[in-house]
Amino acid sequence: MSDVNAIRFSETGHAGVLSYESMSIGPLGVGQVLVRHEAIGVNFIDIYHRSGLYPVDLPSGMGAEAAGIVEAVGEGVTRVKPGDRVVYASGPLGAYSEARAISEISLIKIPDEISSKTAAAMTLKGLTAAYLLLKTFPLTRDHKVLVHAAAGGVGSILTQWAKSIGAYVIGTVGRPEKVALAKQQGCDEVLLYREVNVPTRVKELTDGAGVDVVYDSVGKDTFMASIDSLRPRGMMVSFGNASGAVPDFPPLLLAQKGSLFITRPSLGHYIADPDEQQELADALFEQVGAGKIHINTKHEFALLDAAKAHETLESGVTTGSVILLP
């Protein structure tokens, strides 16, 4: 159908394995849609794929999130039409490209008031925050919550949303310059997790009780601190590995620490049903449209500079989201 530029990789490793290549898009299959990308989301799961932590068949495209315009539709497509503005955060890897063919069931229509840049910056992260807050551990105003990486991509949305619900939010960040941003986003308290004893401080802030739930995307470096910050029968939600995989632990640890619950959820299991995906997206769009969640999109790179975008995200200096522009 046409040739487009895309980022691909043939071996796992550091950001240098990413290559900028020309590739062809063939005829659309049944149920497929051609989307011309206007902005592409960069997420930590992309780094996990590139590094080999989450194995994929190689050679492979890169990325699972992008926003753009529907240019053409294949046979049997009923959910979208040419000219529609859409975003997706699932499906086969290949979002790091100027355009691609993708199944219509992955697509979400973008409301008029949300730009493509904002949609690409927030959809995967926002859907993650949505399922974590509304499904995995349904948060209420009576809950106390600990959010690691509170100034990061998911953390920025998670803390704002949790605060809009009315929960008491303790955030952690890795760098002093991120404290003010986390507070601006609604955290009641912000802790530098490398400099303070997080469980001790959490217990002080909760009158010795601990928090009801921990949302932890950091992984190895924060796992035990998360466990020790929970109240008895609290919930540990481990949803990322920014510092490396969580170490093996005996199930007996959960009993010893207060009959705790632990879950390792994945976005794909919460948006596999298009109707449930749309439900979460509608909740996200409502929060953003009402001004309860602000999306930070200051980290922008050209598609050609995807490796630099990965290096910047891995460095820990980013706040909010990172996007690529074709």
Protein backbone atom coordinates (compact mmCIF):
# COMPACT_ATOMS: atom_id res chain seq x y z
CA MET A 1 0.00 0.00 0.00
CA SER A 2 2.79 2.45 0.93
CA ASP A 3 6.24 2.75 2.45
CA VAL A 4 6.74 4.40 5.83
CA ASN A 5 9.62 5.03 8.19
CA ALA A 6 9.63 3.07 11.41
CA ILE A 7 11.79 2.09 14.37
CA ARG A 8 12.65 -1.62 14.55
CA PHE A 9 15.10 -3.86 16.38
CA SER A 10 16.69 -7.22 15.55
CA GLU A 11 18.47 -7.89 18.85
CA THR A 12 17.88 -6.95 22.46
CA GLY A 13 20.12 -4.65 24.47
CA HIS A 14 20.79 -0.95 25.02
CA ALA A 15 19.02 1.83 23.13
CA GLY A 16 21.54 1.55 20.30
CA VAL A 17 19.82 -1.61 19.01
CA LEU A 18 16.96 0.54 17.70
CA SER A 19 17.19 1.29 13.98
CA TYR A 20 15.31 3.71 11.69
CA GLU A 21 14.11 1.78 8.65
CA SER A 22 11.75 2.01 5.69
CA MET A 23 9.03 -0.64 5.61
CA SER A 24 5.99 -1.43 3.51
CA ILE A 25 2.39 -1.53 4.66
CA GLY A 26 0.52 -4.20 2.73
CA PRO A 27 -3.19 -4.34 1.84
CA LEU A 28 -5.54 -4.03 4.81
CA GLY A 29 -6.98 -7.28 6.12
CA VAL A 30 -10.49 -7.89 7.40
CA GLY A 31 -11.14 -5.66 10.41
CA GLN A 32 -7.95 -3.65 9.93
CA VAL A 33 -7.53 0.12 9.81
CA LEU A 34 -4.73 2.28 8.40
CA VAL A 35 -3.79 4.98 10.94
CA ARG A 36 -1.48 7.87 10.04
CA HIS A 37 0.32 8.72 13.28
CA GLU A 38 0.51 12.28 14.61
CA ALA A 39 2.14 11.43 17.98
CA ILE A 40 3.55 8.27 19.58
CA GLY A 41 3.76 7.38 23.25
CA VAL A 42 7.03 6.16 24.79
CA ASN A 43 6.57 3.87 27.80
CA PHE A 44 8.71 1.80 30.14
CA ILE A 45 7.23 -1.37 28.66
CA ASP A 46 8.98 -0.39 25.40
CA ILE A 47 12.29 -0.51 27.26
CA TYR A 48 11.38 -3.91 28.72
CA HIS A 49 10.75 -5.20 25.17
CA ARG A 50 13.98 -3.66 23.84
CA SER A 51 16.12 -4.95 26.72
CA GLY A 52 14.70 -8.48 26.56
CA LEU A 53 13.05 -8.38 30.01
CA TYR A 54 9.76 -9.01 28.21
CA PRO A 55 10.79 -11.28 25.30
CA VAL A 56 9.31 -10.72 21.83
CA ASP A 57 9.90 -12.45 18.50
CA LEU A 58 12.68 -10.70 16.56
CA PRO A 59 13.02 -8.77 14.34
CA SER A 60 10.22 -6.59 15.66
CA GLY A 61 8.62 -3.21 15.55
CA MET A 62 8.56 -1.10 18.70
CA GLY A 63 5.86 0.57 20.76
CA ALA A 64 2.19 -0.01 21.56
CA GLU A 65 0.72 3.50 21.79
CA ALA A 66 0.01 6.17 19.18
CA ALA A 67 -2.60 8.70 18.14
CA GLY A 68 -3.52 9.82 14.63
CA ILE A 69 -6.03 9.91 11.80
CA VAL A 70 -7.82 6.99 10.16
CA GLU A 71 -6.81 7.04 6.48
CA ALA A 72 -8.47 3.85 5.25
CA VAL A 73 -10.48 0.91 6.55
CA GLY A 74 -10.55 -2.74 5.57
CA GLU A 75 -13.48 -5.04 4.99
CA GLY A 76 -15.86 -5.44 7.91
CA VAL A 77 -14.74 -2.37 9.85
CA THR A 78 -17.67 -0.74 11.65
CA ARG A 79 -16.24 1.08 14.68
CA VAL A 80 -14.35 3.85 12.83
CA LYS A 81 -14.28 5.59 9.44
CA PRO A 82 -11.72 7.60 7.43
CA GLY A 83 -11.07 10.97 9.04
CA ASP A 84 -11.73 9.81 12.61
CA ARG A 85 -9.17 10.81 15.23
CA VAL A 86 -8.10 7.73 17.18
CA VAL A 87 -5.60 6.47 19.72
CA TYR A 88 -4.57 2.99 20.77
CA ALA A 89 -2.54 1.46 23.59
CA SER A 90 -2.59 -2.22 22.69
CA GLY A 91 -2.09 -4.59 19.82
CA PRO A 92 1.08 -5.93 18.17
CA LEU A 93 4.23 -3.84 18.55
CA GLY A 94 4.73 -1.25 15.80
CA ALA A 95 3.60 2.15 17.06
CA TYR A 96 7.03 3.72 16.47
CA SER A 97 6.19 4.42 12.82
CA GLU A 98 4.73 7.09 10.57
CA ALA A 99 1.66 4.92 9.93
CA ARG A 100 0.50 1.36 10.43
CA ALA A 101 -2.32 -1.12 9.92
CA ILE A 102 -3.99 -2.20 13.15
CA SER A 103 -7.17 -4.00 14.20
CA GLU A 104 -10.15 -1.75 14.77
CA ILE A 105 -10.79 -3.34 18.17
CA SER A 106 -7.62 -1.65 19.49
CA LEU A 107 -8.81 1.83 18.54
CA ILE A 108 -10.38 4.43 20.80
CA LYS A 109 -11.93 7.60 19.38
CA ILE A 110 -10.37 10.81 20.71
CA PRO A 111 -12.73 13.55 21.95
CA ASP A 112 -12.44 16.88 20.12
CA GLU A 113 -11.06 18.68 23.17
CA ILE A 114 -8.01 16.38 23.45
CA SER A 115 -5.05 16.81 21.06
CA SER A 116 -3.18 13.93 19.47
CA LYS A 117 -0.08 14.82 21.48
CA THR A 118 -2.04 14.64 24.72
CA ALA A 119 -3.75 11.40 23.68
CA ALA A 120 -0.42 9.74 22.83
CA ALA A 121 1.10 10.99 26.07
CA MET A 122 -1.68 9.76 28.30
CA THR A 123 -3.63 6.82 26.92
CA LEU A 124 -1.48 3.84 27.90
CA LYS A 125 -0.48 5.50 31.16
CA GLY A 126 -3.99 6.80 31.79
CA LEU A 127 -5.65 3.45 31.11
CA THR A 128 -3.11 1.93 33.49
CA ALA A 129 -4.03 4.45 36.18
CA ALA A 130 -7.71 3.85 35.46
CA TYR A 131 -7.62 0.09 35.93
CA LEU A 132 -5.36 0.37 38.98
CA LEU A 133 -7.68 2.86 40.69
CA LEU A 134 -11.06 1.63 39.49
CA LYS A 135 -10.58 -2.12 39.07
CA THR A 136 -7.49 -3.62 40.76
CA PHE A 137 -8.02 -1.78 44.06
CA PRO A 138 -11.12 0.42 43.80
CA LEU A 139 -10.00 3.56 45.61
CA THR A 140 -12.35 5.66 47.75
CA ARG A 141 -11.96 8.88 49.71
CA ASP A 142 -11.49 6.83 52.91
CA HIS A 143 -8.28 5.18 51.67
CA LYS A 144 -4.65 6.05 52.33
CA VAL A 145 -2.36 5.27 49.39
CA LEU A 146 1.38 5.17 48.64
CA VAL A 147 2.38 5.88 45.02
CA HIS A 148 5.99 5.28 43.99
CA ALA A 149 7.47 7.35 41.13
CA ALA A 150 4.76 9.92 41.77
CA ALA A 151 6.23 12.39 39.25
CA GLY A 152 6.62 9.84 36.45
CA GLY A 153 4.33 9.08 33.53
CA VAL A 154 1.80 6.81 35.24
CA GLY A 155 2.50 8.29 38.67
CA SER A 156 1.61 11.81 37.55
CA ILE A 157 -1.82 10.67 36.40
CA LEU A 158 -2.31 8.23 39.28
CA THR A 159 -1.65 10.82 41.99
CA GLN A 160 -3.89 13.46 40.44
CA TRP A 161 -6.72 10.98 39.96
CA ALA A 162 -6.36 9.51 43.45
CA LYS A 163 -6.50 13.00 44.91
CA SER A 164 -9.58 13.88 42.86
CA ILE A 165 -11.26 10.83 44.43
CA GLY A 166 -10.38 12.27 47.84
CA ALA A 167 -7.84 9.70 49.05
CA TYR A 168 -4.87 10.60 51.26
CA VAL A 169 -1.87 10.32 48.92
CA ILE A 170 1.76 9.79 49.88
CA GLY A 171 4.09 9.92 46.89
CA THR A 172 7.74 8.96 46.51
CA VAL A 173 10.24 10.38 44.05
CA GLY A 174 13.90 9.66 43.35
CA ARG A 175 15.21 13.19 42.89
CA PRO A 176 14.79 16.40 44.96
CA GLU A 177 13.77 18.43 41.90
CA LYS A 178 10.67 16.24 41.52
CA VAL A 179 9.26 16.96 44.98
CA ALA A 180 7.53 20.22 44.05
CA LEU A 181 5.88 18.68 40.99
CA ALA A 182 4.53 15.73 42.99
CA LYS A 183 3.08 18.14 45.56
CA GLN A 184 1.60 20.28 42.80
CA GLN A 185 -0.15 17.17 41.48
CA GLY A 186 -1.90 16.68 44.81
CA CYS A 187 0.34 14.47 46.95
CA ASP A 188 -0.29 15.21 50.62
CA GLU A 189 3.29 14.20 51.41
CA VAL A 190 6.28 13.48 49.13
CA LEU A 191 9.20 11.28 50.21
CA LEU A 192 12.64 10.94 48.64
CA TYR A 193 12.71 7.15 48.71
CA ARG A 194 16.52 6.93 48.47
CA GLU A 195 17.05 9.32 51.40
CA VAL A 196 14.39 8.46 53.99
CA ASN A 197 13.13 5.26 55.57
CA VAL A 198 9.87 5.07 53.64
CA PRO A 199 7.99 2.56 55.89
CA THR A 200 8.92 4.48 59.04
CA ARG A 201 7.76 7.78 57.58
CA VAL A 202 4.59 6.23 56.15
CA LYS A 203 3.69 4.81 59.57
CA GLU A 204 4.29 8.24 61.13
CA LEU A 205 1.98 9.86 58.58
CA THR A 206 -0.76 7.28 59.13
CA ASP A 207 -0.71 7.20 62.93
CA GLY A 208 1.12 3.89 62.92
CA ALA A 209 -1.42 2.09 60.75
CA GLY A 210 0.20 1.99 57.30
CA VAL A 211 -1.50 2.58 53.96
CA ASP A 212 -4.36 0.61 52.48
CA VAL A 213 -2.65 0.13 49.12
CA VAL A 214 0.74 0.66 47.48
CA TYR A 215 0.99 1.26 43.73
CA ASP A 216 4.58 0.32 42.87
CA SER A 217 6.05 0.65 39.37
CA VAL A 218 9.68 0.79 40.55
CA GLY A 219 10.12 -2.89 41.42
CA LYS A 220 13.33 -4.22 42.95
CA ASP A 221 14.47 -1.07 44.76
CA THR A 222 11.16 -0.38 46.53
CA PHE A 223 9.56 -3.82 46.99
CA MET A 224 10.33 -4.41 50.67
CA ALA A 225 9.65 -0.78 51.56
CA SER A 226 6.25 -1.16 49.91
CA ILE A 227 5.48 -4.34 51.84
CA ASP A 228 6.51 -2.72 55.12
CA SER A 229 4.37 0.37 54.45
CA LEU A 230 1.08 -1.55 54.31
CA ARG A 231 -1.49 -1.92 57.04
CA PRO A 232 -2.54 -5.46 57.98
CA ARG A 233 -4.55 -6.98 55.11
CA GLY A 234 -3.38 -4.17 52.82
CA MET A 235 -2.84 -4.58 49.07
CA MET A 236 0.53 -4.45 47.30
CA VAL A 237 0.04 -3.63 43.60
CA SER A 238 3.30 -4.27 41.75
CA PHE A 239 2.81 -3.07 38.18
CA GLY A 240 6.29 -2.22 36.91
CA ASN A 241 10.02 -2.92 37.08
CA ALA A 242 11.76 0.42 36.47
CA SER A 243 14.64 -0.56 38.79
CA GLY A 244 14.60 -4.26 37.87
CA ALA A 245 12.40 -7.26 38.58
CA VAL A 246 11.06 -7.85 42.09
CA PRO A 247 13.14 -10.52 43.88
CA ASP A 248 11.66 -13.93 44.60
CA PHE A 249 9.96 -14.15 47.99
CA PRO A 250 8.19 -16.88 49.99
CA PRO A 251 4.38 -16.55 50.26
CA LEU A 252 4.81 -16.87 54.03
CA LEU A 253 6.24 -13.32 53.97
CA LEU A 254 2.74 -11.99 53.30
CA ALA A 255 1.41 -13.66 56.44
CA GLN A 256 4.32 -12.46 58.53
CA LYS A 257 3.81 -8.87 57.39
CA GLY A 258 0.10 -8.77 58.22
CA SER A 259 -1.86 -11.15 55.98
CA LEU A 260 -1.13 -8.94 53.00
CA PHE A 261 -2.44 -9.27 49.46
CA ILE A 262 -0.20 -8.86 46.41
CA THR A 263 -1.03 -8.67 42.72
CA ARG A 264 1.02 -8.22 39.55
CA PRO A 265 -1.55 -6.88 37.05
CA SER A 266 -1.10 -6.09 33.36
CA LEU A 267 -3.02 -3.57 31.29
CA GLY A 268 -3.68 -6.10 28.53
CA HIS A 269 -5.93 -8.18 30.77
CA TYR A 270 -8.06 -5.13 31.61
CA ILE A 271 -8.59 -3.85 28.05
CA ALA A 272 -8.90 -7.12 26.13
CA ASP A 273 -12.66 -6.51 25.94
CA PRO A 274 -13.23 -3.42 23.72
CA ASP A 275 -16.21 -2.38 25.84
CA GLU A 276 -14.16 -2.47 29.05
CA GLN A 277 -11.37 -0.59 27.29
CA GLN A 278 -13.86 2.09 26.24
CA GLU A 279 -15.24 2.26 29.79
CA LEU A 280 -11.77 2.98 31.19
CA ALA A 281 -11.00 5.44 28.37
CA ASP A 282 -14.25 7.33 28.99
CA ALA A 283 -13.37 7.63 32.68
CA LEU A 284 -9.92 8.95 31.75
CA PHE A 285 -11.21 11.42 29.16
CA GLU A 286 -13.77 12.70 31.68
CA GLN A 287 -11.05 13.39 34.27
CA VAL A 288 -8.85 15.19 31.73
CA GLY A 289 -11.73 17.10 30.18
CA ALA A 290 -12.88 18.30 33.61
CA GLY A 291 -9.39 19.60 34.37
CA LYS A 292 -8.87 17.16 37.24
CA ILE A 293 -5.84 15.63 35.49
CA HIS A 294 -3.21 17.67 33.66
CA ILE A 295 -1.01 15.82 31.16
CA ASN A 296 2.64 16.87 31.01
CA THR A 297 4.01 16.48 27.46
CA LYS A 298 7.21 18.52 27.63
CA HIS A 299 9.51 15.63 26.59
CA GLU A 300 9.19 15.47 22.78
CA PHE A 301 11.55 13.76 20.34
CA ALA A 302 11.52 13.13 16.60
CA LEU A 303 10.76 9.55 15.60
CA LEU A 304 14.32 9.31 14.27
CA ASP A 305 15.58 10.01 17.82
CA ALA A 306 13.75 7.13 19.50
CA ALA A 307 17.00 5.81 21.02
CA LYS A 308 17.62 9.19 22.67
CA ALA A 309 14.05 9.16 24.00
CA HIS A 310 14.68 5.74 25.56
CA GLU A 311 17.93 6.90 27.13
CA THR A 312 16.21 9.96 28.57
CA LEU A 313 13.37 7.89 30.04
CA GLU A 314 15.81 5.36 31.52
CA SER A 315 17.89 8.13 33.11
CA GLY A 316 15.14 8.95 35.60
CA VAL A 317 15.23 12.68 34.85
CA THR A 318 11.84 12.85 33.11
CA THR A 319 8.60 14.05 34.63
CA GLY A 320 5.29 13.20 33.03
CA SER A 321 5.26 11.64 29.56
CA VAL A 322 7.67 11.18 26.66
CA ILE A 323 6.37 11.28 23.08
CA LEU A 324 7.76 10.85 19.57
CA LEU A 325 6.65 13.00 16.63
CA PRO A 326 6.76 11.37 13.14
